[in-house]
C-alpha cells in the first residue's frame, strides 16, 4: 500500500521541474493527482497515467479567480474530494538578478502577484472543500534564500519570506477544521529554472554546494519525500511548520 492511497491532491506548477517530481511522487504513493500550470502539464499527467497512476491536467493561472474555481469544480466532479494542495507554482527562473535598486517595478509586482497573491488565491479556493471534509493538507513552498538574504533576488526572497508568514497564519486559522498547513524550504535545486538560467553559473552552484553538510547537487527528487510526508496521514498532528530540505545548508 502507498502512503497516499485514496487521497486526491493538487500540484500547482506541475508541468516541469520540481512540481512534476512532486506529482510523480504523489502518484507513486497512490494519490490521484491534478496537475495545474500556465504551461501544459498534460505530458506529465500522461506519463503518470501510462505508469499506472491516475492524473488529470489543467492549464490554469492561480492568479485567476475564475480559473481556480473551475479547477476545484473539475477535481470534485472527477474525484469527489480534495485532500492535499501542493502550492509549488511561482516565478523564479524568469526573474532577473540585480541589485534591489535596479529591479523593475513591474517585475517586482509580478513576483508578488504570482508568488504571494496567487498562493493565497488558490488556497482560499480549495480550503472550503477541506473545511467541509474536516480534513486537508496544504503544503506551501518557501525557500532557503529567506535565511541567507541571497543577494540579487530581493523580489523573489521577499515573496518566499511572505510564504513562511502566510503558512503560520493559515495553520492557526485552519486548525479548527483539522487542516494542516506547512511549508518546505528547498535549497538551490537543479530544476529547469536553474539549469537553463545563465545567471546560475557553475561558480555560483559550487559555492552553494560548499555551504551544505551534504555537499552535492540538490535534485528535484530530493524534495519528494518531505512533500509526501506533509500530505500523508503521518503528519496529521504537524502544522505551522517549516521544513528545510537543502542538504543542511541552513539550520532552522
C-alpha atoms as a PDB file:
ATOM      1  CA  UNK A   1       0.000   0.000   0.000  1.00  0.00           C
ATOM      2  CA  UNK A   2       1.076   3.547  -0.719  1.00  0.00           C
ATOM      3  CA  UNK A   3       1.253   6.342   1.849  1.00  0.00           C
ATOM      4  CA  UNK A   4      -1.341   8.341  -0.088  1.00  0.00           C
ATOM      5  CA  UNK A   5      -3.781   5.620  -1.127  1.00  0.00           C
ATOM      6  CA  UNK A   6      -7.283   7.016  -1.579  1.00  0.00           C
ATOM      7  CA  UNK A   7      -6.192  10.651  -1.409  1.00  0.00           C
ATOM      8  CA  UNK A   8      -6.719  13.344  -4.036  1.00  0.00           C
ATOM      9  CA  UNK A   9      -4.061  16.017  -4.448  1.00  0.00           C
ATOM     10  CA  UNK A  10      -3.492  19.154  -6.494  1.00  0.00           C
ATOM     11  CA  UNK A  11       0.002  20.193  -7.581  1.00  0.00           C
ATOM     12  CA  UNK A  12       0.407  23.695  -8.966  1.00  0.00           C
ATOM     13  CA  UNK A  13       3.265  24.383 -11.345  1.00  0.00           C
ATOM     14  CA  UNK A  14       3.263  20.698 -12.245  1.00  0.00           C
ATOM     15  CA  UNK A  15       4.307  20.913 -15.890  1.00  0.00           C
ATOM     16  CA  UNK A  16       8.020  20.539 -15.234  1.00  0.00           C
ATOM     17  CA  UNK A  17      10.841  20.529 -12.732  1.00  0.00           C
ATOM     18  CA  UNK A  18      10.133  20.213  -9.032  1.00  0.00           C
ATOM     19  CA  UNK A  19       6.363  20.348  -9.493  1.00  0.00           C
ATOM     20  CA  UNK A  20       6.453  17.394 -11.873  1.00  0.00           C
ATOM     21  CA  UNK A  21       8.602  15.489  -9.360  1.00  0.00           C
ATOM     22  CA  UNK A  22       6.017  16.136  -6.613  1.00  0.00           C
ATOM     23  CA  UNK A  23       3.212  14.920  -8.881  1.00  0.00           C
ATOM     24  CA  UNK A  24       5.071  11.735  -9.819  1.00  0.00           C
ATOM     25  CA  UNK A  25       5.884  11.081  -6.160  1.00  0.00           C
ATOM     26  CA  UNK A  26       2.293  11.536  -5.044  1.00  0.00           C
ATOM     27  CA  UNK A  27       1.010   9.260  -7.803  1.00  0.00           C
ATOM     28  CA  UNK A  28       3.596   6.593  -6.960  1.00  0.00           C
ATOM     29  CA  UNK A  29       2.253   6.573  -3.377  1.00  0.00           C
ATOM     30  CA  UNK A  30      -1.310   6.029  -4.593  1.00  0.00           C
ATOM     31  CA  UNK A  31      -2.748   9.541  -4.786  1.00  0.00           C
ATOM     32  CA  UNK A  32      -4.944  10.837  -7.573  1.00  0.00           C
ATOM     33  CA  UNK A  33      -3.207  13.948  -8.869  1.00  0.00           C
ATOM     34  CA  UNK A  34      -4.461  17.076 -10.603  1.00  0.00           C
ATOM     35  CA  UNK A  35      -1.585  18.968 -12.207  1.00  0.00           C
ATOM     36  CA  UNK A  36      -2.098  22.664 -12.946  1.00  0.00           C
ATOM     37  CA  UNK A  37       0.217  25.147 -14.642  1.00  0.00           C
ATOM     38  CA  UNK A  38       0.206  28.084 -17.030  1.00  0.00           C
ATOM     39  CA  UNK A  39       2.222  25.728 -19.236  1.00  0.00           C
ATOM     40  CA  UNK A  40       0.625  22.488 -20.435  1.00  0.00           C
ATOM     41  CA  UNK A  41       1.034  19.785 -17.749  1.00  0.00           C
ATOM     42  CA  UNK A  42      -0.582  17.099 -19.941  1.00  0.00           C
ATOM     43  CA  UNK A  43       2.707  15.332 -20.798  1.00  0.00           C
ATOM     44  CA  UNK A  44       3.442  14.747 -17.104  1.00  0.00           C
ATOM     45  CA  UNK A  45      -0.135  13.596 -16.460  1.00  0.00           C
ATOM     46  CA  UNK A  46       0.056  11.264 -19.460  1.00  0.00           C
ATOM     47  CA  UNK A  47       3.295   9.803 -18.114  1.00  0.00           C
ATOM     48  CA  UNK A  48       1.701   9.185 -14.716  1.00  0.00           C
ATOM     49  CA  UNK A  49      -1.330   7.528 -16.292  1.00  0.00           C
ATOM     50  CA  UNK A  50       0.867   5.378 -18.540  1.00  0.00           C
ATOM     51  CA  UNK A  51       2.741   4.166 -15.448  1.00  0.00           C
ATOM     52  CA  UNK A  52      -0.446   3.018 -13.723  1.00  0.00           C
ATOM     53  CA  UNK A  53      -1.262   6.155 -11.762  1.00  0.00           C
ATOM     54  CA  UNK A  54      -4.268   8.428 -12.052  1.00  0.00           C
ATOM     55  CA  UNK A  55      -3.788  12.050 -13.066  1.00  0.00           C
ATOM     56  CA  UNK A  56      -5.532  14.914 -14.823  1.00  0.00           C
ATOM     57  CA  UNK A  57      -4.008  18.067 -16.288  1.00  0.00           C
ATOM     58  CA  UNK A  58      -5.382  21.608 -16.407  1.00  0.00           C
ATOM     59  CA  UNK A  59      -3.828  24.720 -17.895  1.00  0.00           C
ATOM     60  CA  UNK A  60      -4.679  27.251 -15.195  1.00  0.00           C
ATOM     61  CA  UNK A  61      -3.384  30.521 -13.731  1.00  0.00           C
ATOM     62  CA  UNK A  62      -3.529  30.622  -9.936  1.00  0.00           C
ATOM     63  CA  UNK A  63      -3.971  34.410 -10.003  1.00  0.00           C
ATOM     64  CA  UNK A  64      -7.269  33.986 -11.898  1.00  0.00           C
ATOM     65  CA  UNK A  65     -10.218  33.573  -9.507  1.00  0.00           C
ATOM     66  CA  UNK A  66     -12.484  32.021 -12.151  1.00  0.00           C
ATOM     67  CA  UNK A  67      -9.772  29.556 -13.188  1.00  0.00           C
ATOM     68  CA  UNK A  68      -9.260  28.462  -9.585  1.00  0.00           C
ATOM     69  CA  UNK A  69     -12.970  27.920  -9.111  1.00  0.00           C
ATOM     70  CA  UNK A  70     -13.170  25.912 -12.332  1.00  0.00           C
ATOM     71  CA  UNK A  71     -10.189  23.796 -11.272  1.00  0.00           C
ATOM     72  CA  UNK A  72     -11.772  22.949  -7.918  1.00  0.00           C
ATOM     73  CA  UNK A  73     -15.034  22.060  -9.626  1.00  0.00           C
ATOM     74  CA  UNK A  74     -13.261  19.829 -12.142  1.00  0.00           C
ATOM     75  CA  UNK A  75     -11.414  17.923  -9.411  1.00  0.00           C
ATOM     76  CA  UNK A  76     -14.581  17.449  -7.365  1.00  0.00           C
ATOM     77  CA  UNK A  77     -16.532  16.311 -10.408  1.00  0.00           C
ATOM     78  CA  UNK A  78     -13.921  13.668 -11.184  1.00  0.00           C
ATOM     79  CA  UNK A  79     -12.847  12.503  -7.728  1.00  0.00           C
ATOM     80  CA  UNK A  80     -15.301  13.976  -5.221  1.00  0.00           C
ATOM     81  CA  UNK A  81     -12.813  15.366  -2.704  1.00  0.00           C
ATOM     82  CA  UNK A  82      -9.556  17.272  -2.276  1.00  0.00           C
ATOM     83  CA  UNK A  83      -7.172  16.039   0.400  1.00  0.00           C
ATOM     84  CA  UNK A  84      -3.961  17.830  -0.462  1.00  0.00           C
ATOM     85  CA  UNK A  85      -2.763  21.041  -2.102  1.00  0.00           C
ATOM     86  CA  UNK A  86       0.887  21.461  -3.059  1.00  0.00           C
ATOM     87  CA  UNK A  87       1.460  25.179  -3.708  1.00  0.00           C
ATOM     88  CA  UNK A  88       4.510  24.838  -5.909  1.00  0.00           C
ATOM     89  CA  UNK A  89       3.844  27.357  -8.708  1.00  0.00           C
ATOM     90  CA  UNK A  90       5.981  30.502  -8.536  1.00  0.00           C
ATOM     91  CA  UNK A  91       8.013  32.937 -10.600  1.00  0.00           C
ATOM     92  CA  UNK A  92      11.717  32.184 -10.174  1.00  0.00           C
ATOM     93  CA  UNK A  93      13.762  31.431 -13.271  1.00  0.00           C
ATOM     94  CA  UNK A  94      12.083  34.224 -15.254  1.00  0.00           C
ATOM     95  CA  UNK A  95      13.154  36.855 -12.723  1.00  0.00           C
ATOM     96  CA  UNK A  96      16.231  38.962 -13.403  1.00  0.00           C
ATOM     97  CA  UNK A  97      19.135  39.006 -10.967  1.00  0.00           C
ATOM     98  CA  UNK A  98      20.143  42.523  -9.957  1.00  0.00           C
ATOM     99  CA  UNK A  99      20.712  44.847  -7.026  1.00  0.00           C
ATOM    100  CA  UNK A 100      17.446  45.781  -5.363  1.00  0.00           C
ATOM    101  CA  UNK A 101      17.700  49.390  -6.594  1.00  0.00           C
ATOM    102  CA  UNK A 102      17.679  48.135 -10.165  1.00  0.00           C
ATOM    103  CA  UNK A 103      14.696  45.755 -10.022  1.00  0.00           C
ATOM    104  CA  UNK A 104      11.999  46.752 -12.482  1.00  0.00           C
ATOM    105  CA  UNK A 105       8.802  47.712 -10.644  1.00  0.00           C
ATOM    106  CA  UNK A 106       6.606  45.649 -12.978  1.00  0.00           C
ATOM    107  CA  UNK A 107       8.792  42.593 -12.371  1.00  0.00           C
ATOM    108  CA  UNK A 108       8.625  43.169  -8.626  1.00  0.00           C
ATOM    109  CA  UNK A 109       4.829  43.392  -8.822  1.00  0.00           C
ATOM    110  CA  UNK A 110       4.671  40.230 -10.950  1.00  0.00           C
ATOM    111  CA  UNK A 111       6.663  38.307  -8.346  1.00  0.00           C
ATOM    112  CA  UNK A 112       4.316  39.439  -5.582  1.00  0.00           C
ATOM    113  CA  UNK A 113       1.231  38.729  -7.696  1.00  0.00           C
ATOM    114  CA  UNK A 114       2.178  35.141  -8.537  1.00  0.00           C
ATOM    115  CA  UNK A 115       4.263  34.054  -5.557  1.00  0.00           C
ATOM    116  CA  UNK A 116       2.173  35.564  -2.775  1.00  0.00           C
ATOM    117  CA  UNK A 117      -1.240  36.599  -4.041  1.00  0.00           C
ATOM    118  CA  UNK A 118      -1.571  33.555  -6.279  1.00  0.00           C
ATOM    119  CA  UNK A 119      -0.819  31.157  -3.429  1.00  0.00           C
ATOM    120  CA  UNK A 120      -3.413  32.905  -1.292  1.00  0.00           C
ATOM    121  CA  UNK A 121      -5.972  32.841  -4.118  1.00  0.00           C
ATOM    122  CA  UNK A 122      -5.734  29.156  -4.953  1.00  0.00           C
ATOM    123  CA  UNK A 123      -5.604  28.174  -1.293  1.00  0.00           C
ATOM    124  CA  UNK A 124      -8.768  30.085  -0.485  1.00  0.00           C
ATOM    125  CA  UNK A 125     -10.446  28.353  -3.456  1.00  0.00           C
ATOM    126  CA  UNK A 126      -9.542  24.902  -2.120  1.00  0.00           C
ATOM    127  CA  UNK A 127      -9.948  25.447   1.624  1.00  0.00           C
ATOM    128  CA  UNK A 128     -13.776  25.446   1.715  1.00  0.00           C
ATOM    129  CA  UNK A 129     -13.742  21.876   0.367  1.00  0.00           C
ATOM    130  CA  UNK A 130     -11.299  20.813   3.083  1.00  0.00           C
ATOM    131  CA  UNK A 131     -13.312  22.595   5.779  1.00  0.00           C
ATOM    132  CA  UNK A 132     -16.431  20.715   4.709  1.00  0.00           C
ATOM    133  CA  UNK A 133     -14.491  17.425   4.833  1.00  0.00           C
ATOM    134  CA  UNK A 134     -12.941  18.386   8.187  1.00  0.00           C
ATOM    135  CA  UNK A 135      -9.606  17.286   6.775  1.00  0.00           C
ATOM    136  CA  UNK A 136      -6.908  18.529   4.457  1.00  0.00           C
ATOM    137  CA  UNK A 137      -3.206  19.123   3.910  1.00  0.00           C
ATOM    138  CA  UNK A 138      -1.717  22.275   2.417  1.00  0.00           C
ATOM    139  CA  UNK A 139       1.990  22.468   1.613  1.00  0.00           C
ATOM    140  CA  UNK A 140       3.493  25.811   0.666  1.00  0.00           C
ATOM    141  CA  UNK A 141       6.919  26.220  -0.897  1.00  0.00           C
ATOM    142  CA  UNK A 142       9.225  28.764   0.711  1.00  0.00           C
ATOM    143  CA  UNK A 143      12.977  28.943   0.081  1.00  0.00           C
ATOM    144  CA  UNK A 144      16.263  28.698   1.916  1.00  0.00           C
ATOM    145  CA  UNK A 145      17.132  32.106   0.459  1.00  0.00           C
ATOM    146  CA  UNK A 146      14.992  33.710   3.163  1.00  0.00           C
ATOM    147  CA  UNK A 147      17.549  32.634   5.774  1.00  0.00           C
ATOM    148  CA  UNK A 148      20.562  33.728   3.726  1.00  0.00           C
ATOM    149  CA  UNK A 149      19.321  37.056   2.378  1.00  0.00           C
ATOM    150  CA  UNK A 150      20.524  35.915  -1.035  1.00  0.00           C
ATOM    151  CA  UNK A 151      21.691  38.994  -2.976  1.00  0.00           C
ATOM    152  CA  UNK A 152      20.382  39.811  -6.433  1.00  0.00           C
ATOM    153  CA  UNK A 153      16.966  38.280  -5.777  1.00  0.00           C
ATOM    154  CA  UNK A 154      15.224  40.643  -3.367  1.00  0.00           C
ATOM    155  CA  UNK A 155      11.847  40.326  -5.071  1.00  0.00           C
ATOM    156  CA  UNK A 156      11.931  36.509  -5.004  1.00  0.00           C
ATOM    157  CA  UNK A 157      13.344  36.265  -1.469  1.00  0.00           C
ATOM    158  CA  UNK A 158      10.727  38.716  -0.216  1.00  0.00           C
ATOM    159  CA  UNK A 159       7.900  36.613  -1.622  1.00  0.00           C
ATOM    160  CA  UNK A 160       9.238  33.465  -0.024  1.00  0.00           C
ATOM    161  CA  UNK A 161       9.551  35.165   3.337  1.00  0.00           C
ATOM    162  CA  UNK A 162       5.887  36.065   2.978  1.00  0.00           C
ATOM    163  CA  UNK A 163       5.065  32.410   2.309  1.00  0.00           C
ATOM    164  CA  UNK A 164       6.507  31.463   5.698  1.00  0.00           C
ATOM    165  CA  UNK A 165       4.357  34.094   7.411  1.00  0.00           C
ATOM    166  CA  UNK A 166       1.302  33.058   5.388  1.00  0.00           C
ATOM    167  CA  UNK A 167       1.805  29.423   6.360  1.00  0.00           C
ATOM    168  CA  UNK A 168       1.728  30.268  10.057  1.00  0.00           C
ATOM    169  CA  UNK A 169      -1.441  32.341   9.808  1.00  0.00           C
ATOM    170  CA  UNK A 170      -3.198  29.728   7.673  1.00  0.00           C
ATOM    171  CA  UNK A 171      -2.239  26.988  10.124  1.00  0.00           C
ATOM    172  CA  UNK A 172      -3.812  28.946  13.005  1.00  0.00           C
ATOM    173  CA  UNK A 173      -6.991  29.687  11.057  1.00  0.00           C
ATOM    174  CA  UNK A 174      -7.430  26.156   9.653  1.00  0.00           C
ATOM    175  CA  UNK A 175      -6.654  24.090  12.737  1.00  0.00           C
ATOM    176  CA  UNK A 176     -10.247  24.011  13.953  1.00  0.00           C
ATOM    177  CA  UNK A 177     -11.203  22.146  10.770  1.00  0.00           C
ATOM    178  CA  UNK A 178      -8.367  19.620  11.016  1.00  0.00           C
ATOM    179  CA  UNK A 179      -6.452  21.141   8.099  1.00  0.00           C
ATOM    180  CA  UNK A 180      -2.675  21.112   8.398  1.00  0.00           C
ATOM    181  CA  UNK A 181      -0.674  23.858   6.705  1.00  0.00           C
ATOM    182  CA  UNK A 182       3.090  23.516   6.455  1.00  0.00           C
ATOM    183  CA  UNK A 183       5.936  24.717   4.260  1.00  0.00           C
ATOM    184  CA  UNK A 184       9.085  23.309   2.692  1.00  0.00           C
ATOM    185  CA  UNK A 185      12.170  25.449   2.114  1.00  0.00           C
ATOM    186  CA  UNK A 186      14.237  23.908  -0.694  1.00  0.00           C
ATOM    187  CA  UNK A 187      17.836  24.778  -1.341  1.00  0.00           C
ATOM    188  CA  UNK A 188      19.139  25.636  -4.801  1.00  0.00           C
ATOM    189  CA  UNK A 189      17.760  22.743  -6.845  1.00  0.00           C
ATOM    190  CA  UNK A 190      18.785  21.507 -10.293  1.00  0.00           C
ATOM    191  CA  UNK A 191      15.420  22.081 -11.962  1.00  0.00           C
ATOM    192  CA  UNK A 192      14.972  23.660 -15.374  1.00  0.00           C
ATOM    193  CA  UNK A 193      14.550  27.045 -13.712  1.00  0.00           C
ATOM    194  CA  UNK A 194      18.168  26.800 -12.540  1.00  0.00           C
ATOM    195  CA  UNK A 195      19.916  24.690 -15.182  1.00  0.00           C
ATOM    196  CA  UNK A 196      18.534  26.821 -18.015  1.00  0.00           C
ATOM    197  CA  UNK A 197      19.219  30.173 -16.327  1.00  0.00           C
ATOM    198  CA  UNK A 198      22.589  31.680 -17.280  1.00  0.00           C
ATOM    199  CA  UNK A 199      22.583  33.702 -14.062  1.00  0.00           C
ATOM    200  CA  UNK A 200      23.374  30.485 -12.178  1.00  0.00           C
ATOM    201  CA  UNK A 201      26.996  29.929 -13.160  1.00  0.00           C
ATOM    202  CA  UNK A 202      28.934  26.852 -12.164  1.00  0.00           C
ATOM    203  CA  UNK A 203      30.835  29.013  -9.685  1.00  0.00           C
ATOM    204  CA  UNK A 204      27.541  30.061  -8.100  1.00  0.00           C
ATOM    205  CA  UNK A 205      26.340  26.464  -7.886  1.00  0.00           C
ATOM    206  CA  UNK A 206      29.654  25.205  -6.498  1.00  0.00           C
ATOM    207  CA  UNK A 207      29.656  27.895  -3.798  1.00  0.00           C
ATOM    208  CA  UNK A 208      26.129  26.906  -2.803  1.00  0.00           C
ATOM    209  CA  UNK A 209      27.067  23.230  -2.565  1.00  0.00           C
ATOM    210  CA  UNK A 210      30.148  24.050  -0.470  1.00  0.00           C
ATOM    211  CA  UNK A 211      27.884  25.505   2.223  1.00  0.00           C
ATOM    212  CA  UNK A 212      25.929  22.266   2.672  1.00  0.00           C
ATOM    213  CA  UNK A 213      26.529  19.470   5.133  1.00  0.00           C
ATOM    214  CA  UNK A 214      25.824  17.035   2.284  1.00  0.00           C
ATOM    215  CA  UNK A 215      27.928  18.527  -0.475  1.00  0.00           C
ATOM    216  CA  UNK A 216      26.252  17.581  -3.718  1.00  0.00           C
ATOM    217  CA  UNK A 217      23.740  18.961  -6.175  1.00  0.00           C
ATOM    218  CA  UNK A 218      20.143  19.007  -4.916  1.00  0.00           C
ATOM    219  CA  UNK A 219      17.821  17.264  -7.360  1.00  0.00           C
ATOM    220  CA  UNK A 220      14.030  17.704  -7.542  1.00  0.00           C
ATOM    221  CA  UNK A 221      13.629  14.148  -6.263  1.00  0.00           C
ATOM    222  CA  UNK A 222      15.370  15.139  -3.012  1.00  0.00           C
ATOM    223  CA  UNK A 223      12.263  17.134  -2.097  1.00  0.00           C
ATOM    224  CA  UNK A 224       9.694  14.440  -2.801  1.00  0.00           C
ATOM    225  CA  UNK A 225       9.967  12.544   0.496  1.00  0.00           C
ATOM    226  CA  UNK A 226       9.208  15.635   2.562  1.00  0.00           C
ATOM    227  CA  UNK A 227       6.359  16.548   0.214  1.00  0.00           C
ATOM    228  CA  UNK A 228       4.807  13.094   0.589  1.00  0.00           C
ATOM    229  CA  UNK A 229       5.154  13.150   4.372  1.00  0.00           C
ATOM    230  CA  UNK A 230       3.402  16.519   4.694  1.00  0.00           C
ATOM    231  CA  UNK A 231       0.453  15.345   2.579  1.00  0.00           C
ATOM    232  CA  UNK A 232       0.205  11.921   4.226  1.00  0.00           C
ATOM    233  CA  UNK A 233      -1.602  10.859   7.401  1.00  0.00           C
ATOM    234  CA  UNK A 234       1.793  10.538   9.099  1.00  0.00           C
ATOM    235  CA  UNK A 235       1.786  14.339   9.541  1.00  0.00           C
ATOM    236  CA  UNK A 236      -1.787  14.672  10.841  1.00  0.00           C
ATOM    237  CA  UNK A 237      -0.571  16.445  14.002  1.00  0.00           C
ATOM    238  CA  UNK A 238       2.041  18.613  12.301  1.00  0.00           C
ATOM    239  CA  UNK A 239       1.045  22.140  11.289  1.00  0.00           C
ATOM    240  CA  UNK A 240       2.502  25.633  11.039  1.00  0.00           C
ATOM    241  CA  UNK A 241       5.979  24.210  10.483  1.00  0.00           C
ATOM    242  CA  UNK A 242       8.784  24.947   8.032  1.00  0.00           C
ATOM    243  CA  UNK A 243      10.956  22.040   6.901  1.00  0.00           C
ATOM    244  CA  UNK A 244      14.281  22.955   5.283  1.00  0.00           C
ATOM    245  CA  UNK A 245      15.315  20.397   2.668  1.00  0.00           C
ATOM    246  CA  UNK A 246      18.679  21.601   1.433  1.00  0.00           C
ATOM    247  CA  UNK A 247      21.387  19.176   2.497  1.00  0.00           C
ATOM    248  CA  UNK A 248      21.999  21.115   5.687  1.00  0.00           C
ATOM    249  CA  UNK A 249      22.713  24.489   4.072  1.00  0.00           C
ATOM    250  CA  UNK A 250      20.708  26.276   6.762  1.00  0.00           C
ATOM    251  CA  UNK A 251      19.765  25.150  10.266  1.00  0.00           C
ATOM    252  CA  UNK A 252      16.247  26.146  11.293  1.00  0.00           C
END
